[in-house]
Amino acid sequence: MPSMTQRRCENCGGTFEARTADVKRGWARFCSKSCKAIKQEKRTGQHAAHKACCTQDDGYDRDMDAAGHPFASGYFGHGQE
C-alpha cells in the first residue's frame, strides 16, 4: 500500500488524500479533474477563447463536418442519397 498524505485542493479548498510520491513530484494539487480544469481556465482563459472563436461566422460549416465526415454515423456523406 503506498504512503498517503493529506492535501488541500488549490481550487475548492477541500481536503483529499494523495500518494506521497505524487506530492514529492509536485503533483496532487487538486482533489479532482474538474477542480484542476476550473483553476486552469481561470489562469489561461483558453476554453472561453475557443468558444468565442467558434461562434463567429467564419465560413466553416459545422453541420456538414458532423454529418458529412466519412466516419460520421449520420445519413449524409455515405453515398446513400
N, C-alpha and C. Protein backbone atom coordinates (compact mmCIF):
# COMPACT_ATOMS: atom_id res chain seq x y z
N MET A 1 0.85 -1.19 0.00
CA MET A 1 0.00 0.00 0.00
C MET A 1 0.89 1.24 0.00
N PRO A 2 0.65 2.18 -0.94
CA PRO A 2 1.50 3.37 -0.99
C PRO A 2 1.24 4.31 0.19
N SER A 3 2.26 5.07 0.52
CA SER A 3 2.14 6.06 1.59
C SER A 3 1.25 7.20 1.10
N MET A 4 0.34 7.65 1.97
CA MET A 4 -0.61 8.70 1.60
C MET A 4 -0.38 9.95 2.46
N THR A 5 -0.71 11.12 1.87
CA THR A 5 -0.54 12.40 2.53
C THR A 5 -1.82 13.20 2.39
N GLN A 6 -2.21 13.89 3.46
CA GLN A 6 -3.37 14.77 3.41
C GLN A 6 -2.99 16.04 2.65
N ARG A 7 -3.85 16.46 1.72
CA ARG A 7 -3.60 17.66 0.92
C ARG A 7 -4.84 18.54 0.93
N ARG A 8 -4.66 19.82 0.59
CA ARG A 8 -5.77 20.76 0.45
C ARG A 8 -5.83 21.19 -1.01
N CYS A 9 -7.00 21.10 -1.62
CA CYS A 9 -7.19 21.43 -3.02
C CYS A 9 -6.94 22.92 -3.24
N GLU A 10 -6.17 23.25 -4.29
CA GLU A 10 -5.85 24.65 -4.59
C GLU A 10 -7.04 25.41 -5.19
N ASN A 11 -8.07 24.69 -5.60
CA ASN A 11 -9.24 25.37 -6.17
C ASN A 11 -10.36 25.51 -5.15
N CYS A 12 -10.85 24.40 -4.64
CA CYS A 12 -12.04 24.46 -3.76
C CYS A 12 -11.69 24.49 -2.27
N GLY A 13 -10.44 24.15 -1.93
CA GLY A 13 -10.04 24.17 -0.52
C GLY A 13 -10.38 22.91 0.24
N GLY A 14 -11.00 21.95 -0.43
CA GLY A 14 -11.34 20.69 0.22
C GLY A 14 -10.10 19.85 0.49
N THR A 15 -10.21 18.93 1.43
CA THR A 15 -9.08 18.05 1.73
C THR A 15 -9.25 16.73 1.00
N PHE A 16 -8.11 16.13 0.65
CA PHE A 16 -8.11 14.83 -0.01
C PHE A 16 -6.79 14.14 0.29
N GLU A 17 -6.74 12.85 0.06
CA GLU A 17 -5.52 12.09 0.26
C GLU A 17 -4.85 11.84 -1.07
N ALA A 18 -3.55 12.05 -1.10
CA ALA A 18 -2.78 11.83 -2.32
C ALA A 18 -1.57 10.96 -1.98
N ARG A 19 -1.06 10.29 -2.99
CA ARG A 19 0.14 9.49 -2.77
C ARG A 19 1.32 10.43 -2.46
N THR A 20 2.12 10.06 -1.48
CA THR A 20 3.27 10.86 -1.09
C THR A 20 4.24 11.02 -2.25
N ALA A 21 4.42 10.00 -3.06
CA ALA A 21 5.31 10.09 -4.21
C ALA A 21 4.82 11.15 -5.20
N ASP A 22 3.50 11.27 -5.39
CA ASP A 22 2.96 12.29 -6.28
C ASP A 22 3.17 13.69 -5.71
N VAL A 23 3.04 13.84 -4.40
CA VAL A 23 3.27 15.13 -3.75
C VAL A 23 4.72 15.56 -3.95
N LYS A 24 5.66 14.63 -3.81
CA LYS A 24 7.08 14.93 -3.99
C LYS A 24 7.38 15.35 -5.42
N ARG A 25 6.61 14.86 -6.39
CA ARG A 25 6.78 15.24 -7.80
C ARG A 25 6.20 16.62 -8.11
N GLY A 26 5.44 17.16 -7.17
CA GLY A 26 4.78 18.44 -7.42
C GLY A 26 3.38 18.25 -7.96
N TRP A 27 2.90 17.02 -7.99
CA TRP A 27 1.55 16.72 -8.43
C TRP A 27 0.62 16.81 -7.23
N ALA A 28 -0.58 16.28 -7.36
CA ALA A 28 -1.54 16.20 -6.26
C ALA A 28 -1.88 17.59 -5.72
N ARG A 29 -2.19 18.51 -6.61
CA ARG A 29 -2.54 19.86 -6.20
C ARG A 29 -4.05 20.07 -6.15
N PHE A 30 -4.81 19.19 -6.78
CA PHE A 30 -6.27 19.34 -6.87
C PHE A 30 -6.96 18.05 -6.47
N CYS A 31 -8.18 18.17 -5.95
CA CYS A 31 -8.91 16.99 -5.47
C CYS A 31 -9.57 16.23 -6.62
N SER A 32 -9.76 16.88 -7.77
CA SER A 32 -10.43 16.21 -8.89
C SER A 32 -10.00 16.86 -10.21
N LYS A 33 -10.33 16.19 -11.30
CA LYS A 33 -10.03 16.75 -12.62
C LYS A 33 -10.83 18.02 -12.88
N SER A 34 -12.05 18.07 -12.36
CA SER A 34 -12.87 19.26 -12.60
C SER A 34 -12.30 20.47 -11.86
N CYS A 35 -11.78 20.28 -10.65
CA CYS A 35 -11.16 21.40 -9.93
C CYS A 35 -9.90 21.87 -10.67
N LYS A 36 -9.14 20.95 -11.21
CA LYS A 36 -7.96 21.34 -11.99
C LYS A 36 -8.36 22.13 -13.22
N ALA A 37 -9.42 21.68 -13.91
CA ALA A 37 -9.88 22.36 -15.12
C ALA A 37 -10.39 23.77 -14.81
N ILE A 38 -11.10 23.93 -13.72
CA ILE A 38 -11.62 25.25 -13.33
C ILE A 38 -10.46 26.20 -13.06
N LYS A 39 -9.47 25.74 -12.30
CA LYS A 39 -8.31 26.58 -11.99
C LYS A 39 -7.52 26.92 -13.26
N GLN A 40 -7.37 25.95 -14.15
CA GLN A 40 -6.63 26.18 -15.39
C GLN A 40 -7.37 27.18 -16.28
N GLU A 41 -8.69 27.09 -16.34
CA GLU A 41 -9.47 28.02 -17.16
C GLU A 41 -9.35 29.44 -16.61
N LYS A 42 -9.35 29.58 -15.29
CA LYS A 42 -9.16 30.91 -14.69
C LYS A 42 -7.80 31.48 -15.07
N ARG A 43 -6.79 30.61 -15.14
CA ARG A 43 -5.42 31.05 -15.43
C ARG A 43 -5.22 31.38 -16.90
N THR A 44 -5.76 30.54 -17.81
CA THR A 44 -5.45 30.69 -19.23
C THR A 44 -6.57 31.31 -20.05
N GLY A 45 -7.83 31.05 -19.70
CA GLY A 45 -8.96 31.53 -20.49
C GLY A 45 -9.07 30.84 -21.84
N GLN A 46 -8.43 29.70 -21.99
CA GLN A 46 -8.36 29.01 -23.28
C GLN A 46 -9.73 28.56 -23.77
N HIS A 47 -10.55 27.99 -22.91
CA HIS A 47 -11.85 27.47 -23.34
C HIS A 47 -12.77 28.61 -23.76
N ALA A 48 -12.77 29.70 -23.01
CA ALA A 48 -13.60 30.86 -23.35
C ALA A 48 -13.17 31.44 -24.70
N ALA A 49 -11.87 31.48 -24.94
CA ALA A 49 -11.37 32.00 -26.22
C ALA A 49 -11.79 31.08 -27.36
N HIS A 50 -11.75 29.78 -27.12
CA HIS A 50 -12.15 28.81 -28.14
C HIS A 50 -13.64 28.96 -28.46
N LYS A 51 -14.47 29.09 -27.44
CA LYS A 51 -15.90 29.25 -27.66
C LYS A 51 -16.20 30.53 -28.42
N ALA A 52 -15.49 31.61 -28.09
CA ALA A 52 -15.70 32.88 -28.78
C ALA A 52 -15.30 32.77 -30.25
N CYS A 53 -14.25 32.06 -30.51
CA CYS A 53 -13.75 31.88 -31.88
C CYS A 53 -14.74 31.05 -32.70
N CYS A 54 -15.27 30.02 -32.12
CA CYS A 54 -16.11 29.08 -32.87
C CYS A 54 -17.54 29.54 -33.04
N THR A 55 -17.94 30.59 -32.36
CA THR A 55 -19.31 31.08 -32.54
C THR A 55 -19.38 32.12 -33.64
N GLN A 56 -18.24 32.56 -34.15
CA GLN A 56 -18.23 33.54 -35.23
C GLN A 56 -18.59 32.86 -36.54
N ASP A 57 -19.09 33.63 -37.48
CA ASP A 57 -19.38 33.11 -38.81
C ASP A 57 -18.09 33.17 -39.62
N ASP A 58 -17.33 32.09 -39.58
CA ASP A 58 -16.04 32.07 -40.26
C ASP A 58 -16.10 31.26 -41.56
N GLY A 59 -17.31 30.93 -42.03
CA GLY A 59 -17.45 30.19 -43.27
C GLY A 59 -17.31 28.69 -43.11
N TYR A 60 -17.07 28.24 -41.91
CA TYR A 60 -16.89 26.81 -41.65
C TYR A 60 -18.25 26.19 -41.35
N ASP A 61 -18.63 25.20 -42.08
CA ASP A 61 -19.95 24.57 -41.92
C ASP A 61 -19.84 23.43 -40.92
N ARG A 62 -20.14 23.72 -39.65
CA ARG A 62 -20.01 22.71 -38.60
C ARG A 62 -21.04 21.59 -38.75
N ASP A 63 -22.20 21.88 -39.33
CA ASP A 63 -23.20 20.84 -39.55
C ASP A 63 -22.69 19.82 -40.57
N MET A 64 -22.07 20.29 -41.63
CA MET A 64 -21.53 19.36 -42.63
C MET A 64 -20.35 18.59 -42.08
N ASP A 65 -19.59 19.18 -41.18
CA ASP A 65 -18.47 18.47 -40.60
C ASP A 65 -18.98 17.25 -39.83
N ALA A 66 -20.05 17.43 -39.07
CA ALA A 66 -20.58 16.33 -38.28
C ALA A 66 -21.30 15.32 -39.17
N ALA A 67 -22.10 15.80 -40.12
CA ALA A 67 -22.92 14.89 -40.92
C ALA A 67 -22.19 14.38 -42.16
N GLY A 68 -21.23 15.13 -42.68
CA GLY A 68 -20.61 14.76 -43.93
C GLY A 68 -19.25 14.11 -43.81
N HIS A 69 -18.77 13.94 -42.61
CA HIS A 69 -17.47 13.31 -42.42
C HIS A 69 -17.60 11.83 -42.78
N PRO A 70 -16.62 11.26 -43.47
CA PRO A 70 -16.73 9.87 -43.90
C PRO A 70 -16.94 8.88 -42.75
N PHE A 71 -16.50 9.24 -41.54
CA PHE A 71 -16.66 8.32 -40.42
C PHE A 71 -17.83 8.70 -39.52
N ALA A 72 -18.62 9.69 -39.92
CA ALA A 72 -19.77 10.10 -39.12
C ALA A 72 -20.86 9.04 -39.23
N SER A 73 -21.72 9.00 -38.23
CA SER A 73 -22.77 7.99 -38.24
C SER A 73 -24.07 8.54 -38.82
N GLY A 74 -24.04 9.75 -39.34
CA GLY A 74 -25.24 10.35 -39.90
C GLY A 74 -25.56 9.82 -41.28
N TYR A 75 -26.64 10.30 -41.86
CA TYR A 75 -27.12 9.84 -43.16
C TYR A 75 -26.27 10.39 -44.29
N PHE A 76 -25.89 11.67 -44.20
CA PHE A 76 -25.18 12.33 -45.29
C PHE A 76 -23.74 11.86 -45.41
N GLY A 77 -23.23 11.87 -46.62
CA GLY A 77 -21.83 11.59 -46.84
C GLY A 77 -21.48 10.12 -46.94
N HIS A 78 -22.47 9.27 -47.06
CA HIS A 78 -22.20 7.84 -47.13
C HIS A 78 -22.70 7.23 -48.43
N GLY A 79 -22.95 8.04 -49.43
CA GLY A 79 -23.43 7.52 -50.70
C GLY A 79 -24.84 7.00 -50.64
N GLN A 80 -25.62 7.49 -49.69
CA GLN A 80 -26.98 6.99 -49.51
C GLN A 80 -28.02 7.96 -50.03
N GLU A 81 -27.64 8.91 -50.89
CA GLU A 81 -28.57 9.91 -51.37
C GLU A 81 -29.67 9.28 -52.20
